[in-house]
Amino acid sequence: MTTHSAHLLRRLNPYCAQALAGAATLCQTRAHAEITVEHWLLKLLEQGEGDITVIARRYEWDMDSLWQGLLAYLDTLPRTVQGKPQLSAALQQLIKSAWLDASLQENADAVRSVHLMAALINSPSLLAADAAWPLLSLSTTQLHRLLPLLDSQSDERPEIQQAAALADSPVNLTDEAATVTSASGQPQLNDALQAALDKFTLDVTAKARANQIDPIFGRDSEIRQMIDILSRRRKNNPILVGEPGVGKTALVEGLALRIAEGNVPDSLKTVSVRTLDLGLLQAGAGVKGEFEQRLKNVIEAVQQSPSPVLL
């Protein structure tokens, strides 16, 4: 990959970048030599409620036919046993054209999939799959008029993508810079660390306070033992271990319920119990070191949190 190509890839919003990482994995799985526009479109459609999905629903496109058509095209590509797949020339040109459209026409700082659609409409030869014709059926003027709809319904709307970018970005902070003071005067994590914590972990105590956890029966002695260990003045990092199915999750939820009820010692009343979502942590981490960076951000957030966090 050239320096220019790497620079263009950094212009993609997190949603498109995650889909491109998925396209690279799909390409390797199918033993294709190049990542094509069709690989990327398939992953953009698969990923969720992005710009293309919202537009497709607005114009009642047959998504199954579009999906199957893209798969059928990929089935026609030759399978070769090679190393890491490269970006096709058409895909590189698509990203370049989309960035020019986003930066010059809309003064945007990142490429979203509606910009990819605009680039395809301006250069239809970049799209090889005949079944993907609905993507070329609109004009760039129509796409521009759809921006308010996309900014209200799409997962690519700026506020969501900014939070996603913060969660994935490297964080190198001193203890003082890791926390900020809220309007109420209480210390809290800065935006980057809070975004990582919210994106990749689930707050079990918040679920307990919202009555989203059923009562736990028959595990009182184990929960009391956990509370006793956590309340000790001198302790190492305690770890809850056990074979699958023995009830570790029930103990964690039971502890969260006790904290939500205030039925714990004062030292534990402000504790937040969170579970790490490994699926989200791994999802879309196609760039070398991205998974490790996400995990590092979560650990940093836990360590720097003004209120204690049990992970």
Foldseek 3Di string as FASTA:
>chain_A
DDPVLVVLLVQAFPLLLLLVLQLQVVCVVQQAQARAPLSSVLSSCVVDQAPVNLVCVVVVPPVVLLNVLSVVVVVPGDHDHDPRHYHDPLRSVLSVQLVCCCCVVVVDRHGGVLSSLQSCLVPVVSDDRPSNCVSNPDHNVVSVVCVVVNLVGHCVNVVNSVLVCLLQDFDDDDLVQQWDADPVRDIFGDSSLVSLQVQFKDFLLVCLLVVNDDAQPDCVVVLVVVLVQVPDPDDDQDDDDDDPPPQPVSSLNNNSNCLSVVVGPPLCVQETEMDGHVVSLPRSQSDPCRSVSSVVSNVVSQVSGPTHYHD
